[in-house]
C-alpha atoms as a PDB file:
ATOM      1  CA  MET A   1      41.438  12.807  -5.342  1.00  0.00           C
ATOM      2  CA  GLY A   2      41.322  12.397  -9.083  1.00  0.00           C
ATOM      3  CA  LEU A   3      44.173  12.112 -11.605  1.00  0.00           C
ATOM      4  CA  LEU A   4      44.314  15.909 -12.011  1.00  0.00           C
ATOM      5  CA  GLY A   5      44.946  16.335  -8.281  1.00  0.00           C
ATOM      6  CA  LEU A   6      47.837  13.840  -8.295  1.00  0.00           C
ATOM      7  CA  LEU A   7      49.458  15.529 -11.293  1.00  0.00           C
ATOM      8  CA  GLY A   8      48.953  18.931  -9.701  1.00  0.00           C
ATOM      9  CA  ARG A   9      51.018  17.989  -6.640  1.00  0.00           C
ATOM     10  CA  GLY A  10      53.919  17.076  -8.905  1.00  0.00           C
ATOM     11  CA  PHE A  11      53.810  20.428 -10.740  1.00  0.00           C
ATOM     12  CA  GLY A  12      53.332  22.590  -7.653  1.00  0.00           C
ATOM     13  CA  PHE A  13      49.697  23.603  -7.931  1.00  0.00           C
ATOM     14  CA  VAL A  14      46.631  22.352  -6.141  1.00  0.00           C
ATOM     15  CA  ALA A  15      43.680  21.192  -8.176  1.00  0.00           C
ATOM     16  CA  THR A  16      40.182  22.219  -7.206  1.00  0.00           C
ATOM     17  CA  PRO A  17      38.402  19.263  -5.575  1.00  0.00           C
ATOM     18  CA  GLU A  18      35.911  17.543  -7.781  1.00  0.00           C
ATOM     19  CA  THR A  19      32.338  18.480  -6.828  1.00  0.00           C
ATOM     20  CA  PRO A  20      29.748  15.727  -7.248  1.00  0.00           C
ATOM     21  CA  PRO A  21      26.722  16.716  -9.296  1.00  0.00           C
ATOM     22  CA  ALA A  22      23.641  17.798  -7.392  1.00  0.00           C
ATOM     23  CA  PRO A  23      21.078  15.004  -7.234  1.00  0.00           C
ATOM     24  CA  THR A  24      18.178  15.285  -9.600  1.00  0.00           C
ATOM     25  CA  SER A  25      14.650  15.155  -8.264  1.00  0.00           C
ATOM     26  CA  ALA A  26      14.278  11.630  -9.671  1.00  0.00           C
ATOM     27  CA  LEU A  27      17.415  10.415  -7.875  1.00  0.00           C
ATOM     28  CA  TYR A  28      16.440  12.178  -4.659  1.00  0.00           C
ATOM     29  CA  SER A  29      12.908  10.815  -4.656  1.00  0.00           C
ATOM     30  CA  LEU A  30      14.145   7.251  -4.980  1.00  0.00           C
ATOM     31  CA  THR A  31      17.084   7.390  -2.541  1.00  0.00           C
ATOM     32  CA  SER A  32      15.882   9.647   0.302  1.00  0.00           C
ATOM     33  CA  ASP A  33      13.754   6.999   2.014  1.00  0.00           C
ATOM     34  CA  PHE A  34      13.853   7.022   5.813  1.00  0.00           C
ATOM     35  CA  ARG A  35      12.168   4.172   7.647  1.00  0.00           C
ATOM     36  CA  THR A  36      11.456   4.082  11.365  1.00  0.00           C
ATOM     37  CA  GLY A  37       8.721   1.464  11.770  1.00  0.00           C
ATOM     38  CA  GLY A  38       5.285   1.990  13.265  1.00  0.00           C
ATOM     39  CA  THR A  39       2.138   0.140  14.323  1.00  0.00           C
ATOM     40  CA  GLN A  40      -0.341  -2.045  12.510  1.00  0.00           C
ATOM     41  CA  ALA A  41      -3.194   0.209  13.612  1.00  0.00           C
ATOM     42  CA  GLU A  42      -1.567   3.172  11.882  1.00  0.00           C
ATOM     43  CA  ILE A  43      -1.080   1.134   8.695  1.00  0.00           C
ATOM     44  CA  LEU A  44      -4.771   0.169   8.645  1.00  0.00           C
ATOM     45  CA  ARG A  45      -5.861   3.777   9.255  1.00  0.00           C
ATOM     46  CA  GLN A  46      -3.683   5.095   6.443  1.00  0.00           C
ATOM     47  CA  VAL A  47      -4.778   2.430   3.965  1.00  0.00           C
ATOM     48  CA  VAL A  48      -8.444   3.262   4.619  1.00  0.00           C
ATOM     49  CA  ALA A  49      -7.761   7.009   4.360  1.00  0.00           C
ATOM     50  CA  ARG A  50      -5.926   6.492   1.067  1.00  0.00           C
ATOM     51  CA  LEU A  51      -8.769   4.431  -0.413  1.00  0.00           C
ATOM     52  CA  ARG A  52     -11.355   7.032   0.638  1.00  0.00           C
ATOM     53  CA  GLU A  53      -9.258   9.837  -0.818  1.00  0.00           C
ATOM     54  CA  LYS A  54      -8.653   8.285  -4.241  1.00  0.00           C
ATOM     55  CA  ILE A  55     -11.824   6.272  -4.977  1.00  0.00           C
ATOM     56  CA  ALA A  56     -15.018   8.325  -5.084  1.00  0.00           C
ATOM     57  CA  GLU A  57     -17.351   5.487  -4.065  1.00  0.00           C
ATOM     58  CA  PHE A  58     -15.333   4.738  -0.912  1.00  0.00           C
ATOM     59  CA  THR A  59     -16.522   6.945   1.970  1.00  0.00           C
ATOM     60  CA  GLU A  60     -16.644   6.692   5.757  1.00  0.00           C
ATOM     61  CA  SER A  61     -19.842   4.658   5.519  1.00  0.00           C
ATOM     62  CA  THR A  62     -18.735   2.369   2.657  1.00  0.00           C
ATOM     63  CA  CYS A  63     -14.987   1.826   3.346  1.00  0.00           C
ATOM     64  CA  PHE A  64     -13.780   0.903   6.818  1.00  0.00           C
ATOM     65  CA  VAL A  65     -11.540  -1.332   8.952  1.00  0.00           C
ATOM     66  CA  SER A  66     -13.203  -4.627   9.790  1.00  0.00           C
ATOM     67  CA  ASP A  67     -12.390  -7.689  11.874  1.00  0.00           C
ATOM     68  CA  GLN A  68     -13.175  -9.880   8.859  1.00  0.00           C
ATOM     69  CA  GLU A  69     -13.473  -9.537   5.118  1.00  0.00           C
ATOM     70  CA  ILE A  70     -17.300  -9.848   5.067  1.00  0.00           C
ATOM     71  CA  PRO A  71     -18.836  -7.126   7.265  1.00  0.00           C
ATOM     72  CA  VAL A  72     -21.416  -7.931   9.925  1.00  0.00           C
ATOM     73  CA  SER A  73     -23.801  -5.309   8.531  1.00  0.00           C
ATOM     74  CA  TRP A  74     -23.994  -3.876   5.029  1.00  0.00           C
ATOM     75  CA  PRO A  75     -24.149  -0.191   4.085  1.00  0.00           C
ATOM     76  CA  SER A  76     -27.329   1.053   2.448  1.00  0.00           C
ATOM     77  CA  GLY A  77     -25.674   1.718  -0.913  1.00  0.00           C
ATOM     78  CA  SER A  78     -24.473  -0.620  -3.638  1.00  0.00           C
ATOM     79  CA  ILE A  79     -20.729  -0.549  -2.805  1.00  0.00           C
ATOM     80  CA  CYS A  80     -18.792  -1.764   0.231  1.00  0.00           C
ATOM     81  CA  CYS A  81     -15.063  -2.071   0.966  1.00  0.00           C
ATOM     82  CA  THR A  82     -13.443  -3.605   4.061  1.00  0.00           C
ATOM     83  CA  VAL A  83      -9.808  -3.496   5.154  1.00  0.00           C
ATOM     84  CA  SER A  84      -8.672  -6.276   7.484  1.00  0.00           C
ATOM     85  CA  THR A  85      -5.588  -8.192   8.519  1.00  0.00           C
ATOM     86  CA  GLY A  86      -4.615 -11.762   7.738  1.00  0.00           C
ATOM     87  CA  PRO A  87      -2.159 -14.279   9.215  1.00  0.00           C
ATOM     88  CA  ALA A  88       1.161 -12.901  10.514  1.00  0.00           C
ATOM     89  CA  GLN A  89       4.537 -14.092  11.769  1.00  0.00           C
ATOM     90  CA  TYR A  90       7.272 -12.602  13.944  1.00  0.00           C
ATOM     91  CA  PRO A  91      10.657 -13.656  12.475  1.00  0.00           C
ATOM     92  CA  PRO A  92      12.807 -14.597  15.505  1.00  0.00           C
ATOM     93  CA  GLU A  93      16.074 -13.475  13.905  1.00  0.00           C
ATOM     94  CA  PHE A  94      14.858  -9.855  13.735  1.00  0.00           C
ATOM     95  CA  PHE A  95      13.676  -9.930  17.347  1.00  0.00           C
ATOM     96  CA  THR A  96      17.063 -11.217  18.508  1.00  0.00           C
ATOM     97  CA  GLY A  97      18.947  -8.566  16.541  1.00  0.00           C
ATOM     98  CA  GLY A  98      16.583  -5.659  17.208  1.00  0.00           C
ATOM     99  CA  GLY A  99      16.443  -5.865  20.984  1.00  0.00           C
ATOM    100  CA  ARG A 100      13.665  -6.673  23.403  1.00  0.00           C
ATOM    101  CA  ASN A 101      11.654  -3.549  22.623  1.00  0.00           C
ATOM    102  CA  GLN A 102      11.308  -4.202  18.879  1.00  0.00           C
ATOM    103  CA  ILE A 103       9.774  -6.943  16.792  1.00  0.00           C
ATOM    104  CA  THR A 104       9.416  -7.326  13.054  1.00  0.00           C
ATOM    105  CA  LYS A 105       6.022  -8.449  11.780  1.00  0.00           C
ATOM    106  CA  ASP A 106       5.403 -10.214   8.471  1.00  0.00           C
ATOM    107  CA  SER A 107       1.701  -9.650   7.932  1.00  0.00           C
ATOM    108  CA  THR A 108      -1.086  -9.733   5.367  1.00  0.00           C
ATOM    109  CA  LEU A 109      -3.442  -6.927   4.428  1.00  0.00           C
ATOM    110  CA  LYS A 110      -6.798  -7.813   2.873  1.00  0.00           C
ATOM    111  CA  VAL A 111      -8.883  -5.326   0.896  1.00  0.00           C
ATOM    112  CA  ALA A 112     -12.320  -6.708   0.009  1.00  0.00           C
ATOM    113  CA  VAL A 113     -14.729  -4.916  -2.326  1.00  0.00           C
ATOM    114  CA  TYR A 114     -18.412  -5.794  -2.757  1.00  0.00           C
ATOM    115  CA  VAL A 115     -20.944  -4.707  -5.364  1.00  0.00           C
ATOM    116  CA  ARG A 116     -24.663  -5.175  -4.883  1.00  0.00           C
ATOM    117  CA  SER A 117     -26.225  -7.180  -7.695  1.00  0.00           C
ATOM    118  CA  LYS A 118     -29.327  -9.204  -8.420  1.00  0.00           C
ATOM    119  CA  LEU A 119     -27.440 -12.456  -8.637  1.00  0.00           C
ATOM    120  CA  ASP A 120     -30.387 -14.401 -10.011  1.00  0.00           C
ATOM    121  CA  HIS A 121     -30.229 -12.349 -13.213  1.00  0.00           C
ATOM    122  CA  SER A 122     -27.127 -13.043 -15.294  1.00  0.00           C
ATOM    123  CA  PRO A 123     -26.988  -9.583 -16.983  1.00  0.00           C
ATOM    124  CA  HIS A 124     -26.809  -7.975 -13.527  1.00  0.00           C
ATOM    125  CA  THR A 125     -24.045 -10.353 -12.452  1.00  0.00           C
ATOM    126  CA  GLU A 126     -22.086  -9.544 -15.595  1.00  0.00           C
ATOM    127  CA  ALA A 127     -22.445  -5.815 -14.890  1.00  0.00           C
ATOM    128  CA  ALA A 128     -21.140  -6.344 -11.346  1.00  0.00           C
ATOM    129  CA  ILE A 129     -18.045  -8.092 -12.721  1.00  0.00           C
ATOM    130  CA  VAL A 130     -17.101  -6.199 -15.897  1.00  0.00           C
ATOM    131  CA  GLY A 131     -19.448  -3.211 -16.009  1.00  0.00           C
ATOM    132  CA  ALA A 132     -17.851   0.141 -16.767  1.00  0.00           C
ATOM    133  CA  ASP A 133     -19.438   1.931 -13.788  1.00  0.00           C
ATOM    134  CA  LYS A 134     -19.049  -0.530 -10.906  1.00  0.00           C
ATOM    135  CA  GLY A 135     -17.506  -3.728 -12.230  1.00  0.00           C
ATOM    136  CA  ILE A 136     -15.332  -5.454  -9.629  1.00  0.00           C
ATOM    137  CA  VAL A 137     -12.796  -6.691 -12.192  1.00  0.00           C
ATOM    138  CA  SER A 138     -13.051  -3.845 -14.694  1.00  0.00           C
ATOM    139  CA  ARG A 139     -13.131  -0.887 -12.284  1.00  0.00           C
ATOM    140  CA  PHE A 140     -12.419  -1.568  -8.618  1.00  0.00           C
ATOM    141  CA  GLU A 141      -9.622  -4.143  -8.793  1.00  0.00           C
ATOM    142  CA  PRO A 142      -7.285  -1.952 -10.904  1.00  0.00           C
ATOM    143  CA  LEU A 143      -8.276   1.158  -8.927  1.00  0.00           C
ATOM    144  CA  ILE A 144      -7.425  -0.462  -5.586  1.00  0.00           C
ATOM    145  CA  LEU A 145      -4.079  -1.732  -6.900  1.00  0.00           C
ATOM    146  CA  LYS A 146      -3.161   1.658  -8.361  1.00  0.00           C
ATOM    147  CA  THR A 147      -4.238   3.506  -5.220  1.00  0.00           C
ATOM    148  CA  LEU A 148      -2.190   1.367  -2.814  1.00  0.00           C
ATOM    149  CA  LEU A 149       0.877   0.892  -5.026  1.00  0.00           C
ATOM    150  CA  CYS A 150       1.371   4.092  -7.031  1.00  0.00           C
ATOM    151  CA  ASP A 151       1.890   7.755  -6.167  1.00  0.00           C
ATOM    152  CA  GLU A 152       3.489  10.850  -7.671  1.00  0.00           C
ATOM    153  CA  ARG A 153       6.141  13.202  -6.306  1.00  0.00           C
ATOM    154  CA  ASP A 154       7.477  16.247  -8.144  1.00  0.00           C
ATOM    155  CA  GLY A 155       5.735  15.010 -11.282  1.00  0.00           C
ATOM    156  CA  LEU A 156       7.508  11.649 -11.108  1.00  0.00           C
ATOM    157  CA  PRO A 157       5.977   8.214 -10.391  1.00  0.00           C
ATOM    158  CA  VAL A 158       6.949   6.783  -6.990  1.00  0.00           C
ATOM    159  CA  PRO A 159       5.562   3.975  -4.818  1.00  0.00           C
ATOM    160  CA  TRP A 160       2.877   4.852  -2.279  1.00  0.00           C
ATOM    161  CA  GLU A 161       3.640   3.788   1.276  1.00  0.00           C
ATOM    162  CA  PRO A 162       2.146   4.528   4.716  1.00  0.00           C
ATOM    163  CA  CYS A 163       4.199   7.130   6.601  1.00  0.00           C
ATOM    164  CA  ASN A 164       4.495   8.445  10.143  1.00  0.00           C
ATOM    165  CA  LYS A 165       3.685  12.079  10.970  1.00  0.00           C
ATOM    166  CA  ASP A 166       7.333  13.056  10.449  1.00  0.00           C
ATOM    167  CA  GLY A 167       7.290  11.618   6.932  1.00  0.00           C
ATOM    168  CA  SER A 168       9.331   8.515   7.722  1.00  0.00           C
ATOM    169  CA  LYS A 169       8.047   5.321   6.151  1.00  0.00           C
ATOM    170  CA  ILE A 170       6.531   2.575   8.280  1.00  0.00           C
ATOM    171  CA  LEU A 171       7.033  -0.503   6.114  1.00  0.00           C
ATOM    172  CA  ARG A 172      10.328  -2.210   5.404  1.00  0.00           C
ATOM    173  CA  ASN A 173       9.307  -2.369   1.733  1.00  0.00           C
ATOM    174  CA  GLN A 174       6.403  -1.311  -0.436  1.00  0.00           C
ATOM    175  CA  LEU A 175       3.115  -3.201  -0.154  1.00  0.00           C
ATOM    176  CA  SER A 176       3.390  -6.332  -2.282  1.00  0.00           C
ATOM    177  CA  PRO A 177       0.220  -7.724  -3.945  1.00  0.00           C
ATOM    178  CA  SER A 178       0.122 -11.466  -3.354  1.00  0.00           C
ATOM    179  CA  GLY A 179      -3.212 -12.655  -4.740  1.00  0.00           C
ATOM    180  CA  SER A 180      -6.930 -12.162  -5.239  1.00  0.00           C
ATOM    181  CA  THR A 181     -10.085 -14.230  -5.072  1.00  0.00           C
ATOM    182  CA  PRO A 182     -12.480 -14.563  -8.003  1.00  0.00           C
ATOM    183  CA  PRO A 183     -15.726 -12.556  -7.830  1.00  0.00           C
ATOM    184  CA  THR A 184     -17.920 -14.671  -5.546  1.00  0.00           C
ATOM    185  CA  PRO A 185     -21.498 -14.311  -4.247  1.00  0.00           C
ATOM    186  CA  VAL A 186     -21.694 -13.412  -0.559  1.00  0.00           C
ATOM    187  CA  PRO A 187     -23.790 -15.823   1.550  1.00  0.00           C
ATOM    188  CA  GLN A 188     -25.740 -12.954   3.127  1.00  0.00           C
ATOM    189  CA  GLY A 189     -27.454 -10.408   0.903  1.00  0.00           C
ATOM    190  CA  ASP A 190     -27.157  -9.892  -2.827  1.00  0.00           C
ATOM    191  CA  PHE A 191     -23.518  -8.779  -3.021  1.00  0.00           C
ATOM    192  CA  LEU A 192     -20.740 -10.048  -5.266  1.00  0.00           C
ATOM    193  CA  GLY A 193     -17.298  -9.761  -3.676  1.00  0.00           C
ATOM    194  CA  MET A 194     -13.557 -10.011  -4.321  1.00  0.00           C
ATOM    195  CA  THR A 195     -10.595  -9.879  -1.909  1.00  0.00           C
ATOM    196  CA  ILE A 196      -7.143  -8.539  -2.848  1.00  0.00           C
ATOM    197  CA  SER A 197      -4.278  -9.576  -0.561  1.00  0.00           C
ATOM    198  CA  PHE A 198      -1.022  -7.704   0.084  1.00  0.00           C
ATOM    199  CA  ASP A 199       2.093  -8.848   1.938  1.00  0.00           C
ATOM    200  CA  LEU A 200       3.764  -6.312   4.220  1.00  0.00           C
ATOM    201  CA  THR A 201       6.630  -6.220   6.712  1.00  0.00           C
ATOM    202  CA  PHE A 202       7.263  -3.554   9.334  1.00  0.00           C
ATOM    203  CA  ASP A 203       9.221  -2.975  12.535  1.00  0.00           C
ATOM    204  CA  TRP A 204       7.020  -2.537  15.595  1.00  0.00           C
ATOM    205  CA  LEU A 205       8.512  -0.530  18.457  1.00  0.00           C
ATOM    206  CA  LEU A 206       7.009  -1.847  21.684  1.00  0.00           C
END
């Protein structure tokens, strides 16, 4: 009760309770997060679906989940993107506190992009790195980061995160970019590649 309510009791009238202001869309969008955990398979599926949705060159045949960063076979086109997992840990303190049917996983997500280039010709290599159309550094690196980190809700910028079917978020926090490799020739074929790594933590209900 505010000061007006206390004074009102002394003078014999009851003050109207103070009504908190309705939350704005910006406040609601940043404070209405609900997190329930999920599975690593669902995270991988949603990351691939997001990349295919937002980046025109990434399709079912050119962007896919892989057991390693460099795919066993290459698509017929000039672009390839793989999504794979890296080293992970299970923090024991979360397992002890969460019960025997839940673990928390600190993991790594790796998104590798490859551009076909005639690597024995320096102008072609330069185009694969900084070219406006398909440069790894000039086009695909910023596009991948924007796609997996940024979203929009009600006209306002918000983080993008994988969600369950009920809309609850899977990760404990947003994907966190942790590093990238320099554009490097791939041993097989005439591709130039780069890997972007993200740290992620989620609760896994067993």
